Amino acid sequence: MKKSVGKQALVYPTPVFLVGTYDEHGKANIMTAAWGGICSSEPLCIAVSVRPVRYTADAIIKRKSFTISLATKSIIKQADYAGIVSGRRVDKFSELGLHAERAEFVDAPFVQESPVIIECSLYKTIELGVHTQFIGEVQDVKINEEMLTADGKPDIEKISPAMFAPVAGLYYGLGECLGKGFSIGKEFLKKDQGLDNL
């Protein structure tokens, strides 16, 4: 029997994004965000929700750019710290021993130590309750070469992205592969069924 637990932010898993920005003085900053993900295929966009009072929100609005550096198992402690303290008070890159690198296509920094970088230009801003949702159009993705398969695709096991479990407030690593998308469910297709656009 299922038990009601009320309204909770209970979607598993959520990402661990390090959102990179420059402030009005050109200072590089990162903020950890879990409320985010792909929100459009064409144009290719990623959404990240940030409270308007955050230092990062103001920087995104002014620079109209941000990056997403995926947090991994190897930098999860640094990612947690980046979500605890404000860039208004501390230089997070310096405190954490991380290196800020200027993005190639947008006016924002990224975390050199992260194996996957997504460069976004601000596409749209939506005021959504206590958060502002920043929708970024993806301008480029950079991946460490050693994290690619022989045919040039990202190897998720080598990347080892971190995941966050809301409510419990815990970080997790990658689990087992369950099968190939748009493939393992085909066993339920009947002979006269085609593949729908859903």
N, C-alpha and C. Protein backbone atom coordinates (compact mmCIF):
# COMPACT_ATOMS: atom_id res chain seq x y z
N MET A 1 0.83 -1.19 0.00
CA MET A 1 0.00 0.00 0.00
C MET A 1 0.88 1.25 0.00
N LYS A 2 0.52 2.19 -0.82
CA LYS A 2 1.27 3.44 -0.89
C LYS A 2 0.79 4.41 0.19
N LYS A 3 1.73 5.19 0.71
CA LYS A 3 1.41 6.17 1.75
C LYS A 3 1.67 7.57 1.21
N SER A 4 0.74 8.46 1.39
CA SER A 4 0.92 9.85 0.99
C SER A 4 1.94 10.51 1.91
N VAL A 5 2.91 11.19 1.29
CA VAL A 5 3.92 11.91 2.07
C VAL A 5 3.80 13.41 1.83
N GLY A 6 2.72 13.83 1.19
CA GLY A 6 2.50 15.25 0.96
C GLY A 6 3.30 15.78 -0.21
N LYS A 7 3.28 17.09 -0.39
CA LYS A 7 4.00 17.71 -1.49
C LYS A 7 5.48 17.78 -1.16
N GLN A 8 6.29 17.12 -1.98
CA GLN A 8 7.74 17.14 -1.78
C GLN A 8 8.43 17.17 -3.14
N ALA A 9 9.63 17.72 -3.18
CA ALA A 9 10.42 17.77 -4.42
C ALA A 9 11.07 16.41 -4.61
N LEU A 10 10.24 15.45 -4.98
CA LEU A 10 10.69 14.06 -4.98
C LEU A 10 10.76 13.50 -6.40
N VAL A 11 11.77 13.93 -7.12
CA VAL A 11 12.05 13.39 -8.45
C VAL A 11 13.48 12.88 -8.41
N TYR A 12 13.65 11.62 -8.77
CA TYR A 12 15.00 11.03 -8.72
C TYR A 12 15.51 10.69 -10.10
N PRO A 13 16.81 10.86 -10.35
CA PRO A 13 17.68 11.72 -9.57
C PRO A 13 17.63 13.12 -10.15
N THR A 14 18.25 14.07 -9.49
CA THR A 14 18.45 15.39 -10.09
C THR A 14 19.94 15.55 -10.34
N PRO A 15 20.31 16.43 -11.26
CA PRO A 15 21.74 16.57 -11.58
C PRO A 15 22.47 17.37 -10.52
N VAL A 16 23.77 17.37 -10.62
CA VAL A 16 24.59 18.26 -9.80
C VAL A 16 25.34 19.15 -10.79
N PHE A 17 24.75 20.32 -11.05
CA PHE A 17 25.32 21.28 -11.99
C PHE A 17 26.16 22.30 -11.25
N LEU A 18 27.33 22.62 -11.77
CA LEU A 18 28.10 23.76 -11.30
C LEU A 18 27.89 24.85 -12.34
N VAL A 19 27.08 25.85 -11.97
CA VAL A 19 26.71 26.92 -12.89
C VAL A 19 27.77 28.01 -12.81
N GLY A 20 28.45 28.25 -13.93
CA GLY A 20 29.54 29.21 -13.96
C GLY A 20 29.12 30.55 -14.54
N THR A 21 29.53 31.63 -13.86
CA THR A 21 29.21 32.99 -14.32
C THR A 21 30.36 33.94 -14.00
N TYR A 22 30.35 35.07 -14.70
CA TYR A 22 31.19 36.21 -14.33
C TYR A 22 30.27 37.29 -13.77
N ASP A 23 30.71 37.95 -12.70
CA ASP A 23 29.92 39.07 -12.20
C ASP A 23 30.25 40.34 -12.98
N GLU A 24 29.71 41.46 -12.56
CA GLU A 24 29.90 42.71 -13.30
C GLU A 24 31.35 43.19 -13.30
N HIS A 25 32.16 42.66 -12.37
CA HIS A 25 33.57 43.04 -12.30
C HIS A 25 34.49 42.00 -12.95
N GLY A 26 33.87 40.97 -13.54
CA GLY A 26 34.67 39.94 -14.20
C GLY A 26 35.15 38.83 -13.28
N LYS A 27 34.63 38.78 -12.05
CA LYS A 27 35.01 37.72 -11.11
C LYS A 27 34.28 36.43 -11.47
N ALA A 28 35.05 35.34 -11.57
CA ALA A 28 34.46 34.04 -11.89
C ALA A 28 33.84 33.42 -10.65
N ASN A 29 32.68 32.81 -10.84
CA ASN A 29 31.97 32.19 -9.72
C ASN A 29 31.28 30.92 -10.20
N ILE A 30 31.06 30.01 -9.26
CA ILE A 30 30.24 28.82 -9.52
C ILE A 30 29.22 28.67 -8.42
N MET A 31 28.07 28.13 -8.78
CA MET A 31 27.01 27.83 -7.84
C MET A 31 26.47 26.45 -8.15
N THR A 32 26.23 25.66 -7.14
CA THR A 32 25.70 24.32 -7.36
C THR A 32 24.18 24.38 -7.48
N ALA A 33 23.65 23.71 -8.49
CA ALA A 33 22.20 23.69 -8.72
C ALA A 33 21.76 22.27 -9.06
N ALA A 34 20.65 21.86 -8.48
CA ALA A 34 20.09 20.54 -8.77
C ALA A 34 18.77 20.64 -9.53
N TRP A 35 18.14 21.83 -9.50
CA TRP A 35 16.88 22.01 -10.20
C TRP A 35 17.20 22.39 -11.65
N GLY A 36 17.39 21.40 -12.50
CA GLY A 36 17.73 21.70 -13.88
C GLY A 36 17.72 20.48 -14.76
N GLY A 37 17.83 20.74 -16.07
CA GLY A 37 17.89 19.65 -17.04
C GLY A 37 17.55 20.13 -18.43
N ILE A 38 17.60 19.21 -19.38
CA ILE A 38 17.26 19.52 -20.78
C ILE A 38 15.78 19.87 -20.85
N CYS A 39 15.45 20.96 -21.54
CA CYS A 39 14.04 21.36 -21.63
C CYS A 39 13.58 21.54 -23.08
N SER A 40 14.49 21.44 -24.05
CA SER A 40 14.10 21.55 -25.46
C SER A 40 15.16 20.90 -26.33
N SER A 41 14.69 20.23 -27.39
CA SER A 41 15.62 19.61 -28.33
C SER A 41 15.99 20.56 -29.46
N GLU A 42 15.03 21.39 -29.86
CA GLU A 42 15.27 22.33 -30.97
C GLU A 42 14.53 23.63 -30.70
N PRO A 43 15.19 24.71 -30.32
CA PRO A 43 16.63 24.77 -30.11
C PRO A 43 17.05 23.96 -28.89
N LEU A 44 18.26 23.44 -28.92
CA LEU A 44 18.75 22.65 -27.80
C LEU A 44 18.94 23.57 -26.60
N CYS A 45 18.16 23.33 -25.54
CA CYS A 45 18.19 24.21 -24.37
C CYS A 45 18.26 23.41 -23.08
N ILE A 46 18.90 24.02 -22.10
CA ILE A 46 18.96 23.48 -20.75
C ILE A 46 18.41 24.54 -19.80
N ALA A 47 17.57 24.10 -18.87
CA ALA A 47 17.01 25.01 -17.88
C ALA A 47 17.68 24.78 -16.53
N VAL A 48 17.90 25.87 -15.82
CA VAL A 48 18.39 25.78 -14.45
C VAL A 48 17.64 26.82 -13.63
N SER A 49 17.14 26.40 -12.47
CA SER A 49 16.35 27.29 -11.63
C SER A 49 17.20 27.80 -10.47
N VAL A 50 17.19 29.12 -10.29
CA VAL A 50 18.02 29.78 -9.28
C VAL A 50 17.14 30.79 -8.54
N ARG A 51 17.29 30.88 -7.25
CA ARG A 51 16.54 31.91 -6.50
C ARG A 51 17.06 33.29 -6.88
N PRO A 52 16.18 34.25 -7.10
CA PRO A 52 16.60 35.59 -7.56
C PRO A 52 17.61 36.29 -6.66
N VAL A 53 17.62 35.95 -5.36
CA VAL A 53 18.55 36.62 -4.44
C VAL A 53 19.98 36.11 -4.59
N ARG A 54 20.15 35.04 -5.31
CA ARG A 54 21.49 34.47 -5.45
C ARG A 54 22.38 35.35 -6.32
N TYR A 55 23.63 35.36 -5.97
CA TYR A 55 24.67 36.08 -6.70
C TYR A 55 24.68 35.66 -8.17
N THR A 56 24.49 34.36 -8.40
CA THR A 56 24.50 33.81 -9.76
C THR A 56 23.37 34.35 -10.61
N ALA A 57 22.21 34.54 -10.04
CA ALA A 57 21.05 35.02 -10.82
C ALA A 57 21.35 36.38 -11.44
N ASP A 58 21.89 37.27 -10.66
CA ASP A 58 22.22 38.61 -11.15
C ASP A 58 23.27 38.54 -12.26
N ALA A 59 24.26 37.66 -12.08
CA ALA A 59 25.33 37.53 -13.07
C ALA A 59 24.80 36.99 -14.40
N ILE A 60 23.89 36.02 -14.35
CA ILE A 60 23.32 35.48 -15.59
C ILE A 60 22.55 36.58 -16.33
N ILE A 61 21.77 37.35 -15.60
CA ILE A 61 20.98 38.42 -16.22
C ILE A 61 21.89 39.45 -16.88
N LYS A 62 22.96 39.82 -16.20
CA LYS A 62 23.84 40.87 -16.74
C LYS A 62 24.70 40.38 -17.90
N ARG A 63 25.19 39.17 -17.82
CA ARG A 63 26.09 38.66 -18.86
C ARG A 63 25.37 37.88 -19.96
N LYS A 64 24.11 37.49 -19.67
CA LYS A 64 23.29 36.74 -20.62
C LYS A 64 23.97 35.44 -21.07
N SER A 65 24.71 34.86 -20.15
CA SER A 65 25.46 33.64 -20.42
C SER A 65 25.68 32.86 -19.13
N PHE A 66 25.86 31.56 -19.27
CA PHE A 66 26.32 30.74 -18.15
C PHE A 66 26.86 29.43 -18.71
N THR A 67 27.64 28.76 -17.90
CA THR A 67 28.11 27.42 -18.27
C THR A 67 27.60 26.44 -17.24
N ILE A 68 27.57 25.19 -17.64
CA ILE A 68 27.29 24.10 -16.71
C ILE A 68 28.48 23.15 -16.77
N SER A 69 29.14 22.99 -15.63
CA SER A 69 30.20 22.00 -15.48
C SER A 69 29.59 20.86 -14.68
N LEU A 70 29.58 19.66 -15.24
CA LEU A 70 28.99 18.54 -14.51
C LEU A 70 29.87 18.17 -13.33
N ALA A 71 29.25 18.07 -12.17
CA ALA A 71 29.98 17.59 -11.00
C ALA A 71 30.11 16.08 -11.10
N THR A 72 31.26 15.59 -10.72
CA THR A 72 31.54 14.16 -10.78
C THR A 72 31.94 13.66 -9.40
N LYS A 73 32.13 12.35 -9.32
CA LYS A 73 32.53 11.73 -8.06
C LYS A 73 33.80 12.38 -7.52
N SER A 74 34.73 12.73 -8.42
CA SER A 74 36.02 13.25 -7.98
C SER A 74 35.96 14.67 -7.41
N ILE A 75 34.91 15.43 -7.75
CA ILE A 75 34.83 16.81 -7.24
C ILE A 75 33.51 17.07 -6.49
N ILE A 76 32.90 16.02 -5.97
CA ILE A 76 31.59 16.19 -5.33
C ILE A 76 31.69 17.02 -4.04
N LYS A 77 32.78 16.92 -3.30
CA LYS A 77 32.92 17.72 -2.08
C LYS A 77 33.03 19.21 -2.42
N GLN A 78 33.77 19.51 -3.48
CA GLN A 78 33.89 20.90 -3.93
C GLN A 78 32.53 21.42 -4.40
N ALA A 79 31.79 20.55 -5.10
CA ALA A 79 30.46 20.94 -5.58
C ALA A 79 29.53 21.24 -4.41
N ASP A 80 29.61 20.45 -3.36
CA ASP A 80 28.76 20.70 -2.20
C ASP A 80 29.09 22.05 -1.56
N TYR A 81 30.38 22.32 -1.41
CA TYR A 81 30.81 23.61 -0.83
C TYR A 81 30.30 24.77 -1.69
N ALA A 82 30.36 24.60 -3.00
CA ALA A 82 29.93 25.68 -3.91
C ALA A 82 28.44 25.99 -3.78
N GLY A 83 27.69 25.10 -3.16
CA GLY A 83 26.27 25.34 -2.92
C GLY A 83 25.99 25.82 -1.51
N ILE A 84 27.02 25.88 -0.67
CA ILE A 84 26.85 26.28 0.73
C ILE A 84 27.17 27.76 0.94
N VAL A 85 28.22 28.24 0.29
CA VAL A 85 28.67 29.61 0.51
C VAL A 85 28.37 30.49 -0.71
N SER A 86 28.30 31.79 -0.48
CA SER A 86 28.00 32.74 -1.55
C SER A 86 29.27 33.29 -2.17
N GLY A 87 29.25 33.42 -3.49
CA GLY A 87 30.35 34.03 -4.22
C GLY A 87 30.49 35.51 -3.92
N ARG A 88 29.48 36.10 -3.29
CA ARG A 88 29.60 37.50 -2.86
C ARG A 88 30.69 37.66 -1.81
N ARG A 89 30.85 36.61 -0.99
CA ARG A 89 31.77 36.69 0.15
C ARG A 89 33.11 36.01 -0.09
N VAL A 90 33.13 34.97 -0.92
CA VAL A 90 34.37 34.22 -1.10
C VAL A 90 34.63 33.97 -2.59
N ASP A 91 35.89 33.75 -2.90
CA ASP A 91 36.28 33.33 -4.24
C ASP A 91 36.30 31.80 -4.21
N LYS A 92 35.24 31.19 -4.71
CA LYS A 92 35.09 29.74 -4.59
C LYS A 92 36.18 28.98 -5.34
N PHE A 93 36.56 29.48 -6.52
CA PHE A 93 37.61 28.79 -7.26
C PHE A 93 38.89 28.72 -6.44
N SER A 94 39.27 29.84 -5.85
CA SER A 94 40.48 29.90 -5.04
C SER A 94 40.37 29.02 -3.80
N GLU A 95 39.24 29.10 -3.11
CA GLU A 95 39.03 28.33 -1.89
C GLU A 95 39.09 26.83 -2.16
N LEU A 96 38.60 26.41 -3.30
CA LEU A 96 38.48 24.99 -3.61
C LEU A 96 39.66 24.43 -4.40
N GLY A 97 40.57 25.29 -4.82
CA GLY A 97 41.68 24.82 -5.63
C GLY A 97 41.26 24.40 -7.02
N LEU A 98 40.12 24.94 -7.49
CA LEU A 98 39.65 24.66 -8.84
C LEU A 98 40.12 25.78 -9.77
N HIS A 99 40.12 25.50 -11.05
CA HIS A 99 40.61 26.46 -12.03
C HIS A 99 39.48 26.92 -12.95
N ALA A 100 39.31 28.24 -13.03
CA ALA A 100 38.29 28.83 -13.91
C ALA A 100 38.90 29.03 -15.29
N GLU A 101 38.20 28.55 -16.29
CA GLU A 101 38.64 28.76 -17.67
C GLU A 101 37.53 29.47 -18.43
N ARG A 102 37.91 30.46 -19.23
CA ARG A 102 36.92 31.22 -20.00
C ARG A 102 36.32 30.34 -21.09
N ALA A 103 35.00 30.35 -21.18
CA ALA A 103 34.32 29.59 -22.23
C ALA A 103 34.67 30.16 -23.60
N GLU A 104 34.56 29.31 -24.60
CA GLU A 104 34.92 29.71 -25.96
C GLU A 104 33.80 30.47 -26.66
N PHE A 105 32.55 30.10 -26.39
CA PHE A 105 31.43 30.65 -27.15
C PHE A 105 30.51 31.58 -26.37
N VAL A 106 30.65 31.61 -25.04
CA VAL A 106 29.79 32.47 -24.23
C VAL A 106 30.64 33.21 -23.19
N ASP A 107 30.04 34.25 -22.60
CA ASP A 107 30.76 35.10 -21.65
C ASP A 107 30.59 34.55 -20.23
N ALA A 108 31.25 33.43 -19.97
CA ALA A 108 31.14 32.78 -18.66
C ALA A 108 32.34 31.84 -18.48
N PRO A 109 32.69 31.54 -17.23
CA PRO A 109 33.78 30.60 -16.97
C PRO A 109 33.25 29.18 -16.75
N PHE A 110 34.15 28.22 -16.86
CA PHE A 110 33.77 26.86 -16.48
C PHE A 110 34.86 26.27 -15.58
N VAL A 111 34.54 25.12 -14.99
CA VAL A 111 35.47 24.44 -14.08
C VAL A 111 36.34 23.51 -14.89
N GLN A 112 37.61 23.82 -14.96
CA GLN A 112 38.55 23.03 -15.76
C GLN A 112 38.57 21.57 -15.32
N GLU A 113 38.38 21.31 -14.03
CA GLU A 113 38.45 19.95 -13.50
C GLU A 113 37.23 19.09 -13.84
N SER A 114 36.18 19.69 -14.34
CA SER A 114 34.99 18.92 -14.74
C SER A 114 35.21 18.35 -16.14
N PRO A 115 34.84 17.09 -16.37
CA PRO A 115 35.06 16.48 -17.69
C PRO A 115 34.04 16.87 -18.75
N VAL A 116 32.91 17.43 -18.33
CA VAL A 116 31.87 17.81 -19.29
C VAL A 116 31.44 19.25 -19.03
N ILE A 117 31.53 20.07 -20.08
CA ILE A 117 31.20 21.49 -19.99
C ILE A 117 30.13 21.81 -21.03
N ILE A 118 29.10 22.54 -20.62
CA ILE A 118 28.04 22.96 -21.53
C ILE A 118 27.99 24.48 -21.51
N GLU A 119 28.21 25.10 -22.67
CA GLU A 119 28.22 26.56 -22.78
C GLU A 119 26.85 27.02 -23.27
N CYS A 120 26.22 27.93 -22.50
CA CYS A 120 24.86 28.36 -22.80
C CYS A 120 24.74 29.88 -22.90
N SER A 121 24.00 30.33 -23.89
CA SER A 121 23.61 31.74 -23.95
C SER A 121 22.18 31.82 -23.43
N LEU A 122 21.86 32.89 -22.73
CA LEU A 122 20.53 33.02 -22.13
C LEU A 122 19.48 33.16 -23.23
N TYR A 123 18.54 32.23 -23.25
CA TYR A 123 17.50 32.19 -24.27
C TYR A 123 16.19 32.80 -23.76
N LYS A 124 15.86 32.47 -22.52
CA LYS A 124 14.62 32.97 -21.94
C LYS A 124 14.71 32.90 -20.42
N THR A 125 14.00 33.81 -19.76
CA THR A 125 13.92 33.83 -18.30
C THR A 125 12.46 33.73 -17.89
N ILE A 126 12.17 32.85 -16.96
CA ILE A 126 10.79 32.65 -16.50
C ILE A 126 10.77 32.80 -14.98
N GLU A 127 9.93 33.71 -14.49
CA GLU A 127 9.74 33.85 -13.04
C GLU A 127 8.78 32.75 -12.61
N LEU A 128 9.22 31.93 -11.69
CA LEU A 128 8.46 30.74 -11.34
C LEU A 128 8.46 30.56 -9.82
N GLY A 129 7.52 31.20 -9.15
CA GLY A 129 7.46 31.10 -7.70
C GLY A 129 8.69 31.70 -7.06
N VAL A 130 9.35 30.94 -6.19
CA VAL A 130 10.53 31.45 -5.49
C VAL A 130 11.79 31.36 -6.33
N HIS A 131 11.69 30.79 -7.53
CA HIS A 131 12.85 30.64 -8.40
C HIS A 131 12.69 31.43 -9.70
N THR A 132 13.82 31.72 -10.30
CA THR A 132 13.85 32.20 -11.68
C THR A 132 14.43 31.06 -12.50
N GLN A 133 13.71 30.67 -13.52
CA GLN A 133 14.22 29.61 -14.39
C GLN A 133 14.95 30.26 -15.56
N PHE A 134 16.23 29.96 -15.66
CA PHE A 134 17.04 30.46 -16.76
C PHE A 134 17.15 29.36 -17.81
N ILE A 135 16.67 29.65 -18.99
CA ILE A 135 16.76 28.69 -20.08
C ILE A 135 17.92 29.11 -20.97
N GLY A 136 18.89 28.24 -21.08
CA GLY A 136 20.08 28.54 -21.86
C GLY A 136 20.11 27.74 -23.14
N GLU A 137 20.36 28.41 -24.24
CA GLU A 137 20.54 27.70 -25.51
C GLU A 137 21.97 27.20 -25.58
N VAL A 138 22.13 25.92 -25.81
CA VAL A 138 23.45 25.31 -25.83
C VAL A 138 24.21 25.78 -27.07
N GLN A 139 25.39 26.35 -26.83
CA GLN A 139 26.24 26.82 -27.92
C GLN A 139 27.38 25.85 -28.21
N ASP A 140 27.77 25.10 -27.20
CA ASP A 140 28.85 24.12 -27.39
C ASP A 140 28.92 23.20 -26.18
N VAL A 141 29.41 22.00 -26.42
CA VAL A 141 29.68 21.04 -25.35
C VAL A 141 31.12 20.57 -25.50
N LYS A 142 31.83 20.56 -24.39
CA LYS A 142 33.22 20.10 -24.40
C LYS A 142 33.34 18.91 -23.45
N ILE A 143 34.05 17.86 -23.90
CA ILE A 143 34.24 16.67 -23.10
C ILE A 143 35.72 16.27 -23.16
N ASN A 144 36.27 15.89 -22.02
CA ASN A 144 37.64 15.39 -22.01
C ASN A 144 37.75 14.21 -22.96
N GLU A 145 38.77 14.23 -23.81
CA GLU A 145 38.91 13.19 -24.84
C GLU A 145 38.95 11.79 -24.26
N GLU A 146 39.59 11.63 -23.10
CA GLU A 146 39.70 10.29 -22.51
C GLU A 146 38.36 9.78 -21.98
N MET A 147 37.34 10.65 -21.98
CA MET A 147 36.00 10.25 -21.53
C MET A 147 35.10 9.85 -22.70
N LEU A 148 35.67 9.79 -23.90
CA LEU A 148 34.91 9.42 -25.09
C LEU A 148 35.17 7.96 -25.45
N THR A 149 34.16 7.33 -26.06
CA THR A 149 34.33 5.97 -26.56
C THR A 149 35.11 6.02 -27.87
N ALA A 150 35.43 4.86 -28.39
CA ALA A 150 36.20 4.78 -29.64
C ALA A 150 35.47 5.46 -30.80
N ASP A 151 34.13 5.47 -30.75
CA ASP A 151 33.37 6.11 -31.83
C ASP A 151 32.97 7.55 -31.49
N GLY A 152 33.61 8.12 -30.46
CA GLY A 152 33.43 9.54 -30.16
C GLY A 152 32.24 9.92 -29.32
N LYS A 153 31.58 8.95 -28.68
CA LYS A 153 30.43 9.24 -27.83
C LYS A 153 30.86 9.32 -26.37
N PRO A 154 30.15 10.11 -25.57
CA PRO A 154 30.51 10.20 -24.15
C PRO A 154 30.37 8.84 -23.46
N ASP A 155 31.33 8.49 -22.65
CA ASP A 155 31.30 7.25 -21.88
C ASP A 155 30.86 7.62 -20.46
N ILE A 156 29.61 7.37 -20.15
CA ILE A 156 29.06 7.82 -18.87
C ILE A 156 29.75 7.17 -17.68
N GLU A 157 30.25 5.96 -17.84
CA GLU A 157 30.94 5.31 -16.73
C GLU A 157 32.28 5.99 -16.44
N LYS A 158 32.96 6.43 -17.48
CA LYS A 158 34.22 7.14 -17.27
C LYS A 158 33.95 8.55 -16.72
N ILE A 159 32.90 9.20 -17.21
CA ILE A 159 32.56 10.54 -16.72
C ILE A 159 32.16 10.49 -15.25
N SER A 160 31.41 9.47 -14.88
CA SER A 160 30.99 9.25 -13.49
C SER A 160 30.29 10.47 -12.88
N PRO A 161 29.16 10.92 -13.52
CA PRO A 161 28.47 12.10 -13.00
C PRO A 161 27.85 11.84 -11.63
N ALA A 162 27.84 12.88 -10.81
CA ALA A 162 27.19 12.79 -9.51
C ALA A 162 25.71 13.11 -9.67
N MET A 163 24.90 12.55 -8.81
CA MET A 163 23.46 12.79 -8.80
C MET A 163 23.03 13.16 -7.39
N PHE A 164 21.94 13.91 -7.29
CA PHE A 164 21.45 14.36 -5.99
C PHE A 164 20.05 13.81 -5.76
N ALA A 165 19.82 13.32 -4.55
CA ALA A 165 18.50 12.82 -4.16
C ALA A 165 17.82 13.86 -3.28
N PRO A 166 16.83 14.60 -3.84
CA PRO A 166 16.11 15.58 -3.03
C PRO A 166 15.41 14.90 -1.85
N VAL A 167 15.01 15.68 -0.91
CA VAL A 167 14.37 15.26 0.34
C VAL A 167 15.39 14.58 1.26
N ALA A 168 16.03 13.51 0.78
CA ALA A 168 17.07 12.85 1.59
C ALA A 168 18.30 13.74 1.68
N GLY A 169 18.55 14.54 0.64
CA GLY A 169 19.70 15.43 0.63
C GLY A 169 21.02 14.69 0.49
N LEU A 170 21.03 13.62 -0.30
CA LEU A 170 22.22 12.79 -0.44
C LEU A 170 22.72 12.78 -1.88
N TYR A 171 24.04 12.67 -2.03
CA TYR A 171 24.65 12.52 -3.35
C TYR A 171 24.87 11.04 -3.65
N TYR A 172 24.72 10.70 -4.93
CA TYR A 172 24.94 9.33 -5.36
C TYR A 172 25.79 9.31 -6.62
N GLY A 173 26.42 8.17 -6.85
CA GLY A 173 27.14 7.94 -8.10
C GLY A 173 26.26 7.18 -9.07
N LEU A 174 26.87 6.78 -10.15
CA LEU A 174 26.16 6.09 -11.23
C LEU A 174 25.86 4.65 -10.85
N GLY A 175 24.67 4.17 -11.21
CA GLY A 175 24.30 2.78 -10.98
C GLY A 175 24.52 1.93 -12.22
N GLU A 176 23.98 0.74 -12.21
CA GLU A 176 24.16 -0.19 -13.32
C GLU A 176 23.39 0.26 -14.56
N CYS A 177 23.88 -0.13 -15.71
CA CYS A 177 23.17 0.13 -16.97
C CYS A 177 21.98 -0.83 -17.05
N LEU A 178 20.80 -0.31 -17.36
CA LEU A 178 19.59 -1.13 -17.41
C LEU A 178 19.20 -1.52 -18.83
N GLY A 179 19.81 -0.93 -19.83
CA GLY A 179 19.50 -1.28 -21.21
C GLY A 179 19.57 -0.07 -22.12
N LYS A 180 19.39 -0.30 -23.41
CA LYS A 180 19.49 0.76 -24.41
C LYS A 180 18.14 1.44 -24.60
N GLY A 181 18.15 2.78 -24.57
CA GLY A 181 16.93 3.55 -24.75
C GLY A 181 16.33 3.38 -26.14
N PHE A 182 15.01 3.48 -26.22
CA PHE A 182 14.26 3.31 -27.46
C PHE A 182 14.54 1.96 -28.09
N SER A 183 14.87 0.99 -27.25
CA SER A 183 15.19 -0.34 -27.74
C SER A 183 14.63 -1.44 -26.85
N ILE A 184 14.93 -1.38 -25.53
CA ILE A 184 14.54 -2.49 -24.67
C ILE A 184 13.03 -2.64 -24.53
N GLY A 185 12.28 -1.57 -24.80
CA GLY A 185 10.82 -1.66 -24.71
C GLY A 185 10.15 -2.23 -25.94
N LYS A 186 10.93 -2.46 -27.00
CA LYS A 186 10.34 -2.93 -28.26
C LYS A 186 9.73 -4.32 -28.16
N GLU A 187 10.09 -5.06 -27.12
CA GLU A 187 9.51 -6.40 -26.96
C GLU A 187 7.99 -6.34 -26.75
N PHE A 188 7.49 -5.17 -26.35
CA PHE A 188 6.04 -5.03 -26.14
C PHE A 188 5.31 -4.60 -27.41
N LEU A 189 6.05 -4.24 -28.45
CA LEU A 189 5.42 -3.83 -29.70
C LEU A 189 4.72 -5.00 -30.37
N LYS A 190 3.54 -4.74 -30.90
CA LYS A 190 2.84 -5.76 -31.66
C LYS A 190 3.23 -5.60 -33.13
N LYS A 191 3.05 -6.62 -33.91
CA LYS A 191 3.51 -6.61 -35.30
C LYS A 191 2.93 -5.45 -36.11
N ASP A 192 1.68 -5.08 -35.82
CA ASP A 192 1.04 -4.03 -36.62
C ASP A 192 1.27 -2.64 -36.04
N GLN A 193 2.06 -2.53 -34.98
CA GLN A 193 2.31 -1.23 -34.37
C GLN A 193 3.57 -0.60 -34.95
N GLY A 194 3.45 0.66 -35.29
CA GLY A 194 4.63 1.41 -35.71
C GLY A 194 5.15 2.20 -34.52
N LEU A 195 6.25 2.88 -34.73
CA LEU A 195 6.79 3.72 -33.68
C LEU A 195 6.16 5.09 -33.79
N ASP A 196 5.49 5.52 -32.73
CA ASP A 196 4.78 6.80 -32.73
C ASP A 196 5.72 7.94 -32.37
N ASN A 197 5.27 9.16 -32.69
CA ASN A 197 6.00 10.34 -32.25
C ASN A 197 5.62 10.73 -30.83
N LEU A 198 4.75 9.95 -30.21
CA LEU A 198 4.29 10.19 -28.83
C LEU A 198 3.77 11.59 -28.71
